[in-house]
Amino acid sequence: MTNVPQVPQIPAREVPPGAYLLDVREPEEWAAGHAPGAVHIPLGELGARYTELDTGRPLFVVCRSGHRSGYAAQALAGAGWDASNVSDGMFGWQAAGLPMTCESGQPYVA
């Protein structure tokens, strides 16, 4: 049996300001609204693009609800990153009133 790392589950309201945030949602979800300064790599591209991520900083991984980001955080932690899952995803981000930006200028709808 493989030793699968357990990653911290952090609600959005507890993500430190200025945290290194990886958003693994699909492009249309990202375009609808995302955290300012977040890195965007869709989950399906993470295996090919993980080298774009800084290994020297704690990484908080987010998706819409915390499910996809949980898989990504677990994989990254297994590969050596200090990764945490944003357990309530962008639903929690929005509910906590955290900053968001949107390419269309429309209000974010999770």
PDB file of N, CA and C in Angstrom:
ATOM      1  N   MET A   1       0.841  -1.187   0.000  1.00  0.00           N
ATOM      2  CA  MET A   1       0.000   0.000   0.000  1.00  0.00           C
ATOM      3  C   MET A   1       0.885   1.249   0.000  1.00  0.00           C
ATOM      4  N   THR A   2       0.520   2.213  -0.793  1.00  0.00           N
ATOM      5  CA  THR A   2       1.259   3.464  -0.905  1.00  0.00           C
ATOM      6  C   THR A   2       0.924   4.376   0.269  1.00  0.00           C
ATOM      7  N   ASN A   3       1.944   5.045   0.793  1.00  0.00           N
ATOM      8  CA  ASN A   3       1.728   6.010   1.857  1.00  0.00           C
ATOM      9  C   ASN A   3       1.291   7.330   1.233  1.00  0.00           C
ATOM     10  N   VAL A   4       0.002   7.630   1.333  1.00  0.00           N
ATOM     11  CA  VAL A   4      -0.559   8.841   0.742  1.00  0.00           C
ATOM     12  C   VAL A   4      -0.541   9.943   1.799  1.00  0.00           C
ATOM     13  N   PRO A   5       0.113  11.077   1.501  1.00  0.00           N
ATOM     14  CA  PRO A   5       0.187  12.143   2.501  1.00  0.00           C
ATOM     15  C   PRO A   5      -1.179  12.770   2.756  1.00  0.00           C
ATOM     16  N   GLN A   6      -1.419  13.084   4.005  1.00  0.00           N
ATOM     17  CA  GLN A   6      -2.615  13.835   4.369  1.00  0.00           C
ATOM     18  C   GLN A   6      -2.255  15.317   4.306  1.00  0.00           C
ATOM     19  N   VAL A   7      -3.067  16.097   3.656  1.00  0.00           N
ATOM     20  CA  VAL A   7      -2.772  17.522   3.540  1.00  0.00           C
ATOM     21  C   VAL A   7      -3.700  18.313   4.458  1.00  0.00           C
ATOM     22  N   PRO A   8      -3.218  19.427   4.978  1.00  0.00           N
ATOM     23  CA  PRO A   8      -4.082  20.270   5.805  1.00  0.00           C
ATOM     24  C   PRO A   8      -5.292  20.749   5.007  1.00  0.00           C
ATOM     25  N   GLN A   9      -6.431  20.789   5.663  1.00  0.00           N
ATOM     26  CA  GLN A   9      -7.682  21.283   5.085  1.00  0.00           C
ATOM     27  C   GLN A   9      -7.962  22.642   5.715  1.00  0.00           C
ATOM     28  N   ILE A  10      -7.805  23.704   4.941  1.00  0.00           N
ATOM     29  CA  ILE A  10      -7.898  25.063   5.441  1.00  0.00           C
ATOM     30  C   ILE A  10      -9.118  25.754   4.828  1.00  0.00           C
ATOM     31  N   PRO A  11     -10.067  26.227   5.652  1.00  0.00           N
ATOM     32  CA  PRO A  11     -11.169  26.996   5.067  1.00  0.00           C
ATOM     33  C   PRO A  11     -10.649  28.308   4.479  1.00  0.00           C
ATOM     34  N   ALA A  12     -11.323  28.797   3.468  1.00  0.00           N
ATOM     35  CA  ALA A  12     -10.877  30.008   2.767  1.00  0.00           C
ATOM     36  C   ALA A  12     -10.633  31.167   3.726  1.00  0.00           C
ATOM     37  N   ARG A  13     -11.483  31.333   4.707  1.00  0.00           N
ATOM     38  CA  ARG A  13     -11.348  32.472   5.634  1.00  0.00           C
ATOM     39  C   ARG A  13     -10.053  32.417   6.435  1.00  0.00           C
ATOM     40  N   GLU A  14      -9.386  31.245   6.473  1.00  0.00           N
ATOM     41  CA  GLU A  14      -8.136  31.094   7.224  1.00  0.00           C
ATOM     42  C   GLU A  14      -6.883  31.100   6.338  1.00  0.00           C
ATOM     43  N   VAL A  15      -7.067  31.272   5.035  1.00  0.00           N
ATOM     44  CA  VAL A  15      -5.910  31.380   4.146  1.00  0.00           C
ATOM     45  C   VAL A  15      -5.232  32.712   4.438  1.00  0.00           C
ATOM     46  N   PRO A  16      -3.929  32.698   4.718  1.00  0.00           N
ATOM     47  CA  PRO A  16      -3.246  33.953   5.064  1.00  0.00           C
ATOM     48  C   PRO A  16      -3.286  34.963   3.908  1.00  0.00           C
ATOM     49  N   PRO A  17      -3.435  36.241   4.219  1.00  0.00           N
ATOM     50  CA  PRO A  17      -3.379  37.263   3.168  1.00  0.00           C
ATOM     51  C   PRO A  17      -2.053  37.151   2.414  1.00  0.00           C
ATOM     52  N   GLY A  18      -2.117  37.270   1.095  1.00  0.00           N
ATOM     53  CA  GLY A  18      -0.914  37.195   0.277  1.00  0.00           C
ATOM     54  C   GLY A  18      -0.374  35.790   0.085  1.00  0.00           C
ATOM     55  N   ALA A  19      -1.163  34.777   0.473  1.00  0.00           N
ATOM     56  CA  ALA A  19      -0.718  33.383   0.341  1.00  0.00           C
ATOM     57  C   ALA A  19      -0.474  33.025  -1.126  1.00  0.00           C
ATOM     58  N   TYR A  20       0.407  32.054  -1.338  1.00  0.00           N
ATOM     59  CA  TYR A  20       0.680  31.517  -2.670  1.00  0.00           C
ATOM     60  C   TYR A  20      -0.469  30.571  -3.005  1.00  0.00           C
ATOM     61  N   LEU A  21      -1.349  30.985  -3.904  1.00  0.00           N
ATOM     62  CA  LEU A  21      -2.591  30.290  -4.192  1.00  0.00           C
ATOM     63  C   LEU A  21      -2.565  29.700  -5.597  1.00  0.00           C
ATOM     64  N   LEU A  22      -2.871  28.408  -5.688  1.00  0.00           N
ATOM     65  CA  LEU A  22      -2.986  27.714  -6.978  1.00  0.00           C
ATOM     66  C   LEU A  22      -4.449  27.390  -7.211  1.00  0.00           C
ATOM     67  N   ASP A  23      -5.007  27.893  -8.303  1.00  0.00           N
ATOM     68  CA  ASP A  23      -6.392  27.644  -8.686  1.00  0.00           C
ATOM     69  C   ASP A  23      -6.391  26.575  -9.773  1.00  0.00           C
ATOM     70  N   VAL A  24      -7.030  25.429  -9.494  1.00  0.00           N
ATOM     71  CA  VAL A  24      -7.010  24.302 -10.440  1.00  0.00           C
ATOM     72  C   VAL A  24      -8.327  24.157 -11.206  1.00  0.00           C
ATOM     73  N   ARG A  25      -9.148  25.201 -11.200  1.00  0.00           N
ATOM     74  CA  ARG A  25     -10.421  25.135 -11.931  1.00  0.00           C
ATOM     75  C   ARG A  25     -10.212  25.258 -13.439  1.00  0.00           C
ATOM     76  N   GLU A  26     -11.258  24.977 -14.169  1.00  0.00           N
ATOM     77  CA  GLU A  26     -11.236  25.073 -15.625  1.00  0.00           C
ATOM     78  C   GLU A  26     -11.196  26.543 -16.054  1.00  0.00           C
ATOM     79  N   PRO A  27     -10.730  26.800 -17.287  1.00  0.00           N
ATOM     80  CA  PRO A  27     -10.589  28.187 -17.740  1.00  0.00           C
ATOM     81  C   PRO A  27     -11.861  29.030 -17.617  1.00  0.00           C
ATOM     82  N   GLU A  28     -13.022  28.473 -17.917  1.00  0.00           N
ATOM     83  CA  GLU A  28     -14.252  29.263 -17.821  1.00  0.00           C
ATOM     84  C   GLU A  28     -14.596  29.588 -16.366  1.00  0.00           C
ATOM     85  N   GLU A  29     -14.254  28.713 -15.433  1.00  0.00           N
ATOM     86  CA  GLU A  29     -14.462  29.010 -14.016  1.00  0.00           C
ATOM     87  C   GLU A  29     -13.524  30.129 -13.563  1.00  0.00           C
ATOM     88  N   TRP A  30     -12.260  30.038 -13.987  1.00  0.00           N
ATOM     89  CA  TRP A  30     -11.264  31.062 -13.676  1.00  0.00           C
ATOM     90  C   TRP A  30     -11.709  32.416 -14.214  1.00  0.00           C
ATOM     91  N   ALA A  31     -12.183  32.440 -15.459  1.00  0.00           N
ATOM     92  CA  ALA A  31     -12.597  33.698 -16.087  1.00  0.00           C
ATOM     93  C   ALA A  31     -13.781  34.326 -15.362  1.00  0.00           C
ATOM     94  N   ALA A  32     -14.633  33.513 -14.755  1.00  0.00           N
ATOM     95  CA  ALA A  32     -15.803  34.016 -14.048  1.00  0.00           C
ATOM     96  C   ALA A  32     -15.434  34.747 -12.764  1.00  0.00           C
ATOM     97  N   GLY A  33     -14.289  34.406 -12.188  1.00  0.00           N
ATOM     98  CA  GLY A  33     -13.842  35.077 -10.974  1.00  0.00           C
ATOM     99  C   GLY A  33     -12.795  34.262 -10.252  1.00  0.00           C
ATOM    100  N   HIS A  34     -11.762  34.946  -9.765  1.00  0.00           N
ATOM    101  CA  HIS A  34     -10.671  34.270  -9.072  1.00  0.00           C
ATOM    102  C   HIS A  34     -10.000  35.218  -8.090  1.00  0.00           C
ATOM    103  N   ALA A  35      -9.189  34.647  -7.236  1.00  0.00           N
ATOM    104  CA  ALA A  35      -8.457  35.449  -6.255  1.00  0.00           C
ATOM    105  C   ALA A  35      -7.346  36.223  -6.968  1.00  0.00           C
ATOM    106  N   PRO A  36      -7.196  37.488  -6.680  1.00  0.00           N
ATOM    107  CA  PRO A  36      -6.106  38.255  -7.285  1.00  0.00           C
ATOM    108  C   PRO A  36      -4.753  37.631  -6.935  1.00  0.00           C
ATOM    109  N   GLY A  37      -3.894  37.518  -7.925  1.00  0.00           N
ATOM    110  CA  GLY A  37      -2.555  36.990  -7.700  1.00  0.00           C
ATOM    111  C   GLY A  37      -2.449  35.480  -7.711  1.00  0.00           C
ATOM    112  N   ALA A  38      -3.568  34.781  -7.829  1.00  0.00           N
ATOM    113  CA  ALA A  38      -3.528  33.317  -7.861  1.00  0.00           C
ATOM    114  C   ALA A  38      -2.864  32.839  -9.153  1.00  0.00           C
ATOM    115  N   VAL A  39      -2.243  31.672  -9.078  1.00  0.00           N
ATOM    116  CA  VAL A  39      -1.685  31.002 -10.248  1.00  0.00           C
ATOM    117  C   VAL A  39      -2.774  30.080 -10.781  1.00  0.00           C
ATOM    118  N   HIS A  40      -2.981  30.081 -12.089  1.00  0.00           N
ATOM    119  CA  HIS A  40      -4.024  29.232 -12.670  1.00  0.00           C
ATOM    120  C   HIS A  40      -3.401  28.103 -13.483  1.00  0.00           C
ATOM    121  N   ILE A  41      -3.601  26.884 -13.010  1.00  0.00           N
ATOM    122  CA  ILE A  41      -3.236  25.683 -13.766  1.00  0.00           C
ATOM    123  C   ILE A  41      -4.400  24.714 -13.595  1.00  0.00           C
ATOM    124  N   PRO A  42      -5.213  24.490 -14.637  1.00  0.00           N
ATOM    125  CA  PRO A  42      -6.320  23.547 -14.509  1.00  0.00           C
ATOM    126  C   PRO A  42      -5.818  22.167 -14.063  1.00  0.00           C
ATOM    127  N   LEU A  43      -6.621  21.469 -13.290  1.00  0.00           N
ATOM    128  CA  LEU A  43      -6.224  20.172 -12.755  1.00  0.00           C
ATOM    129  C   LEU A  43      -5.728  19.227 -13.843  1.00  0.00           C
ATOM    130  N   GLY A  44      -6.383  19.202 -14.989  1.00  0.00           N
ATOM    131  CA  GLY A  44      -5.993  18.318 -16.083  1.00  0.00           C
ATOM    132  C   GLY A  44      -4.637  18.644 -16.687  1.00  0.00           C
ATOM    133  N   GLU A  45      -4.113  19.840 -16.428  1.00  0.00           N
ATOM    134  CA  GLU A  45      -2.808  20.254 -16.945  1.00  0.00           C
ATOM    135  C   GLU A  45      -1.712  20.206 -15.883  1.00  0.00           C
ATOM    136  N   LEU A  46      -2.085  19.937 -14.645  1.00  0.00           N
ATOM    137  CA  LEU A  46      -1.129  20.022 -13.550  1.00  0.00           C
ATOM    138  C   LEU A  46       0.048  19.064 -13.712  1.00  0.00           C
ATOM    139  N   GLY A  47      -0.207  17.855 -14.203  1.00  0.00           N
ATOM    140  CA  GLY A  47       0.867  16.880 -14.398  1.00  0.00           C
ATOM    141  C   GLY A  47       1.930  17.358 -15.368  1.00  0.00           C
ATOM    142  N   ALA A  48       1.545  18.178 -16.338  1.00  0.00           N
ATOM    143  CA  ALA A  48       2.499  18.685 -17.322  1.00  0.00           C
ATOM    144  C   ALA A  48       3.089  20.037 -16.927  1.00  0.00           C
ATOM    145  N   ARG A  49       2.428  20.743 -15.992  1.00  0.00           N
ATOM    146  CA  ARG A  49       2.842  22.122 -15.699  1.00  0.00           C
ATOM    147  C   ARG A  49       3.295  22.357 -14.262  1.00  0.00           C
ATOM    148  N   TYR A  50       3.386  21.307 -13.470  1.00  0.00           N
ATOM    149  CA  TYR A  50       3.729  21.474 -12.047  1.00  0.00           C
ATOM    150  C   TYR A  50       5.077  22.164 -11.835  1.00  0.00           C
ATOM    151  N   THR A  51       5.973  22.093 -12.815  1.00  0.00           N
ATOM    152  CA  THR A  51       7.289  22.731 -12.659  1.00  0.00           C
ATOM    153  C   THR A  51       7.193  24.256 -12.661  1.00  0.00           C
ATOM    154  N   GLU A  52       6.042  24.805 -13.020  1.00  0.00           N
ATOM    155  CA  GLU A  52       5.833  26.246 -12.978  1.00  0.00           C
ATOM    156  C   GLU A  52       5.635  26.748 -11.551  1.00  0.00           C
ATOM    157  N   LEU A  53       5.441  25.833 -10.611  1.00  0.00           N
ATOM    158  CA  LEU A  53       5.145  26.203  -9.227  1.00  0.00           C
ATOM    159  C   LEU A  53       6.418  26.323  -8.402  1.00  0.00           C
ATOM    160  N   ASP A  54       6.433  27.285  -7.522  1.00  0.00           N
ATOM    161  CA  ASP A  54       7.551  27.522  -6.610  1.00  0.00           C
ATOM    162  C   ASP A  54       7.502  26.482  -5.488  1.00  0.00           C
ATOM    163  N   THR A  55       8.555  25.719  -5.335  1.00  0.00           N
ATOM    164  CA  THR A  55       8.603  24.700  -4.277  1.00  0.00           C
ATOM    165  C   THR A  55       9.025  25.275  -2.939  1.00  0.00           C
ATOM    166  N   GLY A  56       9.476  26.512  -2.910  1.00  0.00           N
ATOM    167  CA  GLY A  56       9.996  27.104  -1.689  1.00  0.00           C
ATOM    168  C   GLY A  56       8.974  27.841  -0.841  1.00  0.00           C
ATOM    169  N   ARG A  57       7.725  27.832  -1.242  1.00  0.00           N
ATOM    170  CA  ARG A  57       6.682  28.551  -0.510  1.00  0.00           C
ATOM    171  C   ARG A  57       5.523  27.624  -0.196  1.00  0.00           C
ATOM    172  N   PRO A  58       4.870  27.792   0.954  1.00  0.00           N
ATOM    173  CA  PRO A  58       3.647  27.030   1.213  1.00  0.00           C
ATOM    174  C   PRO A  58       2.612  27.353   0.134  1.00  0.00           C
ATOM    175  N   LEU A  59       1.931  26.329  -0.327  1.00  0.00           N
ATOM    176  CA  LEU A  59       1.003  26.441  -1.451  1.00  0.00           C
ATOM    177  C   LEU A  59      -0.407  26.099  -0.975  1.00  0.00           C
ATOM    178  N   PHE A  60      -1.360  26.970  -1.282  1.00  0.00           N
ATOM    179  CA  PHE A  60      -2.761  26.730  -0.966  1.00  0.00           C
ATOM    180  C   PHE A  60      -3.478  26.471  -2.284  1.00  0.00           C
ATOM    181  N   VAL A  61      -4.133  25.319  -2.391  1.00  0.00           N
ATOM    182  CA  VAL A  61      -4.756  24.898  -3.647  1.00  0.00           C
ATOM    183  C   VAL A  61      -6.266  25.052  -3.527  1.00  0.00           C
ATOM    184  N   VAL A  62      -6.874  25.682  -4.540  1.00  0.00           N
ATOM    185  CA  VAL A  62      -8.303  25.975  -4.507  1.00  0.00           C
ATOM    186  C   VAL A  62      -8.975  25.544  -5.803  1.00  0.00           C
ATOM    187  N   CYS A  63     -10.242  25.132  -5.680  1.00  0.00           N
ATOM    188  CA  CYS A  63     -11.105  24.885  -6.841  1.00  0.00           C
ATOM    189  C   CYS A  63     -12.471  25.472  -6.486  1.00  0.00           C
ATOM    190  N   ARG A  64     -13.513  24.977  -7.059  1.00  0.00           N
ATOM    191  CA  ARG A  64     -14.848  25.526  -6.784  1.00  0.00           C
ATOM    192  C   ARG A  64     -15.336  25.146  -5.387  1.00  0.00           C
ATOM    193  N   SER A  65     -15.186  23.853  -5.022  1.00  0.00           N
ATOM    194  CA  SER A  65     -15.758  23.383  -3.757  1.00  0.00           C
ATOM    195  C   SER A  65     -14.755  22.760  -2.797  1.00  0.00           C
ATOM    196  N   GLY A  66     -13.532  22.510  -3.243  1.00  0.00           N
ATOM    197  CA  GLY A  66     -12.527  21.869  -2.403  1.00  0.00           C
ATOM    198  C   GLY A  66     -12.246  20.431  -2.768  1.00  0.00           C
ATOM    199  N   HIS A  67     -12.992  19.865  -3.697  1.00  0.00           N
ATOM    200  CA  HIS A  67     -12.821  18.468  -4.079  1.00  0.00           C
ATOM    201  C   HIS A  67     -11.617  18.271  -5.016  1.00  0.00           C
ATOM    202  N   ARG A  68     -11.637  18.933  -6.157  1.00  0.00           N
ATOM    203  CA  ARG A  68     -10.516  18.807  -7.108  1.00  0.00           C
ATOM    204  C   ARG A  68      -9.218  19.298  -6.492  1.00  0.00           C
ATOM    205  N   SER A  69      -9.303  20.399  -5.747  1.00  0.00           N
ATOM    206  CA  SER A  69      -8.094  20.938  -5.125  1.00  0.00           C
ATOM    207  C   SER A  69      -7.532  19.975  -4.088  1.00  0.00           C
ATOM    208  N   GLY A  70      -8.381  19.185  -3.464  1.00  0.00           N
ATOM    209  CA  GLY A  70      -7.902  18.181  -2.517  1.00  0.00           C
ATOM    210  C   GLY A  70      -7.018  17.151  -3.199  1.00  0.00           C
ATOM    211  N   TYR A  71      -7.435  16.683  -4.371  1.00  0.00           N
ATOM    212  CA  TYR A  71      -6.614  15.748  -5.144  1.00  0.00           C
ATOM    213  C   TYR A  71      -5.288  16.385  -5.547  1.00  0.00           C
ATOM    214  N   ALA A  72      -5.363  17.633  -6.018  1.00  0.00           N
ATOM    215  CA  ALA A  72      -4.151  18.330  -6.459  1.00  0.00           C
ATOM    216  C   ALA A  72      -3.197  18.554  -5.298  1.00  0.00           C
ATOM    217  N   ALA A  73      -3.718  19.007  -4.154  1.00  0.00           N
ATOM    218  CA  ALA A  73      -2.866  19.258  -2.986  1.00  0.00           C
ATOM    219  C   ALA A  73      -2.206  17.968  -2.512  1.00  0.00           C
ATOM    220  N   GLN A  74      -2.948  16.890  -2.525  1.00  0.00           N
ATOM    221  CA  GLN A  74      -2.399  15.602  -2.100  1.00  0.00           C
ATOM    222  C   GLN A  74      -1.276  15.153  -3.035  1.00  0.00           C
ATOM    223  N   ALA A  75      -1.479  15.298  -4.335  1.00  0.00           N
ATOM    224  CA  ALA A  75      -0.444  14.922  -5.304  1.00  0.00           C
ATOM    225  C   ALA A  75       0.793  15.802  -5.145  1.00  0.00           C
ATOM    226  N   LEU A  76       0.587  17.093  -4.975  1.00  0.00           N
ATOM    227  CA  LEU A  76       1.718  18.007  -4.817  1.00  0.00           C
ATOM    228  C   LEU A  76       2.473  17.739  -3.517  1.00  0.00           C
ATOM    229  N   ALA A  77       1.746  17.469  -2.446  1.00  0.00           N
ATOM    230  CA  ALA A  77       2.404  17.145  -1.169  1.00  0.00           C
ATOM    231  C   ALA A  77       3.228  15.868  -1.307  1.00  0.00           C
ATOM    232  N   GLY A  78       2.708  14.894  -2.032  1.00  0.00           N
ATOM    233  CA  GLY A  78       3.445  13.651  -2.265  1.00  0.00           C
ATOM    234  C   GLY A  78       4.709  13.861  -3.074  1.00  0.00           C
ATOM    235  N   ALA A  79       4.736  14.945  -3.859  1.00  0.00           N
ATOM    236  CA  ALA A  79       5.906  15.261  -4.685  1.00  0.00           C
ATOM    237  C   ALA A  79       6.830  16.275  -4.011  1.00  0.00           C
ATOM    238  N   GLY A  80       6.532  16.640  -2.758  1.00  0.00           N
ATOM    239  CA  GLY A  80       7.452  17.484  -2.016  1.00  0.00           C
ATOM    240  C   GLY A  80       7.001  18.897  -1.708  1.00  0.00           C
ATOM    241  N   TRP A  81       5.860  19.330  -2.214  1.00  0.00           N
ATOM    242  CA  TRP A  81       5.380  20.673  -1.915  1.00  0.00           C
ATOM    243  C   TRP A  81       4.774  20.715  -0.520  1.00  0.00           C
ATOM    244  N   ASP A  82       4.840  21.875   0.096  1.00  0.00           N
ATOM    245  CA  ASP A  82       4.126  22.151   1.339  1.00  0.00           C
ATOM    246  C   ASP A  82       2.751  22.654   0.891  1.00  0.00           C
ATOM    247  N   ALA A  83       1.827  21.715   0.663  1.00  0.00           N
ATOM    248  CA  ALA A  83       0.543  22.047   0.053  1.00  0.00           C
ATOM    249  C   ALA A  83      -0.605  21.850   1.031  1.00  0.00           C
ATOM    250  N   SER A  84      -1.551  22.779   0.991  1.00  0.00           N
ATOM    251  CA  SER A  84      -2.785  22.697   1.772  1.00  0.00           C
ATOM    252  C   SER A  84      -3.960  22.840   0.823  1.00  0.00           C
ATOM    253  N   ASN A  85      -5.068  22.199   1.170  1.00  0.00           N
ATOM    254  CA  ASN A  85      -6.288  22.304   0.384  1.00  0.00           C
ATOM    255  C   ASN A  85      -7.190  23.380   0.983  1.00  0.00           C
ATOM    256  N   VAL A  86      -7.705  24.270   0.131  1.00  0.00           N
ATOM    257  CA  VAL A  86      -8.721  25.227   0.568  1.00  0.00           C
ATOM    258  C   VAL A  86     -10.033  24.437   0.549  1.00  0.00           C
ATOM    259  N   SER A  87     -10.424  23.975   1.727  1.00  0.00           N
ATOM    260  CA  SER A  87     -11.466  22.952   1.858  1.00  0.00           C
ATOM    261  C   SER A  87     -12.857  23.370   1.385  1.00  0.00           C
ATOM    262  N   ASP A  88     -13.170  24.647   1.416  1.00  0.00           N
ATOM    263  CA  ASP A  88     -14.483  25.093   0.959  1.00  0.00           C
ATOM    264  C   ASP A  88     -14.415  25.835  -0.373  1.00  0.00           C
ATOM    265  N   GLY A  89     -13.261  25.817  -0.996  1.00  0.00           N
ATOM    266  CA  GLY A  89     -13.085  26.339  -2.344  1.00  0.00           C
ATOM    267  C   GLY A  89     -13.524  27.781  -2.536  1.00  0.00           C
ATOM    268  N   MET A  90     -13.852  28.095  -3.774  1.00  0.00           N
ATOM    269  CA  MET A  90     -14.276  29.457  -4.109  1.00  0.00           C
ATOM    270  C   MET A  90     -15.654  29.766  -3.535  1.00  0.00           C
ATOM    271  N   PHE A  91     -16.455  28.729  -3.219  1.00  0.00           N
ATOM    272  CA  PHE A  91     -17.705  28.980  -2.502  1.00  0.00           C
ATOM    273  C   PHE A  91     -17.370  29.649  -1.169  1.00  0.00           C
ATOM    274  N   GLY A  92     -16.418  29.080  -0.436  1.00  0.00           N
ATOM    275  CA  GLY A  92     -16.003  29.632   0.849  1.00  0.00           C
ATOM    276  C   GLY A  92     -15.305  30.969   0.703  1.00  0.00           C
ATOM    277  N   TRP A  93     -14.518  31.102  -0.359  1.00  0.00           N
ATOM    278  CA  TRP A  93     -13.805  32.357  -0.621  1.00  0.00           C
ATOM    279  C   TRP A  93     -14.808  33.493  -0.750  1.00  0.00           C
ATOM    280  N   GLN A  94     -15.826  33.264  -1.581  1.00  0.00           N
ATOM    281  CA  GLN A  94     -16.850  34.278  -1.806  1.00  0.00           C
ATOM    282  C   GLN A  94     -17.637  34.536  -0.521  1.00  0.00           C
ATOM    283  N   ALA A  95     -18.020  33.489   0.191  1.00  0.00           N
ATOM    284  CA  ALA A  95     -18.798  33.643   1.427  1.00  0.00           C
ATOM    285  C   ALA A  95     -18.021  34.422   2.489  1.00  0.00           C
ATOM    286  N   ALA A  96     -16.700  34.275   2.498  1.00  0.00           N
ATOM    287  CA  ALA A  96     -15.866  34.985   3.466  1.00  0.00           C
ATOM    288  C   ALA A  96     -15.620  36.440   3.065  1.00  0.00           C
ATOM    289  N   GLY A  97     -16.080  36.818   1.870  1.00  0.00           N
ATOM    290  CA  GLY A  97     -15.901  38.192   1.404  1.00  0.00           C
ATOM    291  C   GLY A  97     -14.466  38.517   1.036  1.00  0.00           C
ATOM    292  N   LEU A  98     -13.699  37.492   0.657  1.00  0.00           N
ATOM    293  CA  LEU A  98     -12.300  37.704   0.286  1.00  0.00           C
ATOM    294  C   LEU A  98     -12.207  38.334  -1.101  1.00  0.00           C
ATOM    295  N   PRO A  99     -11.104  39.020  -1.407  1.00  0.00           N
ATOM    296  CA  PRO A  99     -10.998  39.725  -2.683  1.00  0.00           C
ATOM    297  C   PRO A  99     -11.075  38.780  -3.882  1.00  0.00           C
ATOM    298  N   MET A 100     -11.750  39.261  -4.905  1.00  0.00           N
ATOM    299  CA  MET A 100     -11.876  38.510  -6.157  1.00  0.00           C
ATOM    300  C   MET A 100     -11.774  39.466  -7.320  1.00  0.00           C
ATOM    301  N   THR A 101     -11.345  38.925  -8.432  1.00  0.00           N
ATOM    302  CA  THR A 101     -11.293  39.691  -9.666  1.00  0.00           C
ATOM    303  C   THR A 101     -11.930  38.846 -10.756  1.00  0.00           C
ATOM    304  N   CYS A 102     -12.429  39.515 -11.768  1.00  0.00           N
ATOM    305  CA  CYS A 102     -13.152  38.819 -12.836  1.00  0.00           C
ATOM    306  C   CYS A 102     -12.816  39.464 -14.170  1.00  0.00           C
ATOM    307  N   GLU A 103     -12.500  38.644 -15.152  1.00  0.00           N
ATOM    308  CA  GLU A 103     -12.137  39.170 -16.471  1.00  0.00           C
ATOM    309  C   GLU A 103     -13.304  39.854 -17.172  1.00  0.00           C
ATOM    310  N   SER A 104     -14.530  39.393 -16.909  1.00  0.00           N
ATOM    311  CA  SER A 104     -15.684  39.966 -17.592  1.00  0.00           C
ATOM    312  C   SER A 104     -16.218  41.224 -16.918  1.00  0.00           C
ATOM    313  N   GLY A 105     -15.810  41.459 -15.679  1.00  0.00           N
ATOM    314  CA  GLY A 105     -16.342  42.593 -14.928  1.00  0.00           C
ATOM    315  C   GLY A 105     -17.667  42.300 -14.266  1.00  0.00           C
ATOM    316  N   GLN A 106     -18.242  41.121 -14.500  1.00  0.00           N
ATOM    317  CA  GLN A 106     -19.499  40.721 -13.886  1.00  0.00           C
ATOM    318  C   GLN A 106     -19.271  40.162 -12.488  1.00  0.00           C
ATOM    319  N   PRO A 107     -20.272  40.193 -11.615  1.00  0.00           N
ATOM    320  CA  PRO A 107     -20.117  39.598 -10.289  1.00  0.00           C
ATOM    321  C   PRO A 107     -19.848  38.101 -10.398  1.00  0.00           C
ATOM    322  N   TYR A 108     -19.037  37.601  -9.488  1.00  0.00           N
ATOM    323  CA  TYR A 108     -18.699  36.175  -9.471  1.00  0.00           C
ATOM    324  C   TYR A 108     -19.885  35.354  -9.004  1.00  0.00           C
ATOM    325  N   VAL A 109     -20.155  34.257  -9.687  1.00  0.00           N
ATOM    326  CA  VAL A 109     -21.175  33.304  -9.285  1.00  0.00           C
ATOM    327  C   VAL A 109     -20.516  31.940  -9.239  1.00  0.00           C
ATOM    328  N   ALA A 110     -20.365  31.369  -8.039  1.00  0.00           N
ATOM    329  CA  ALA A 110     -19.687  30.074  -7.864  1.00  0.00           C
ATOM    330  C   ALA A 110     -20.453  28.960  -8.440  1.00  0.00           C
TER     331      ALA A 110
END
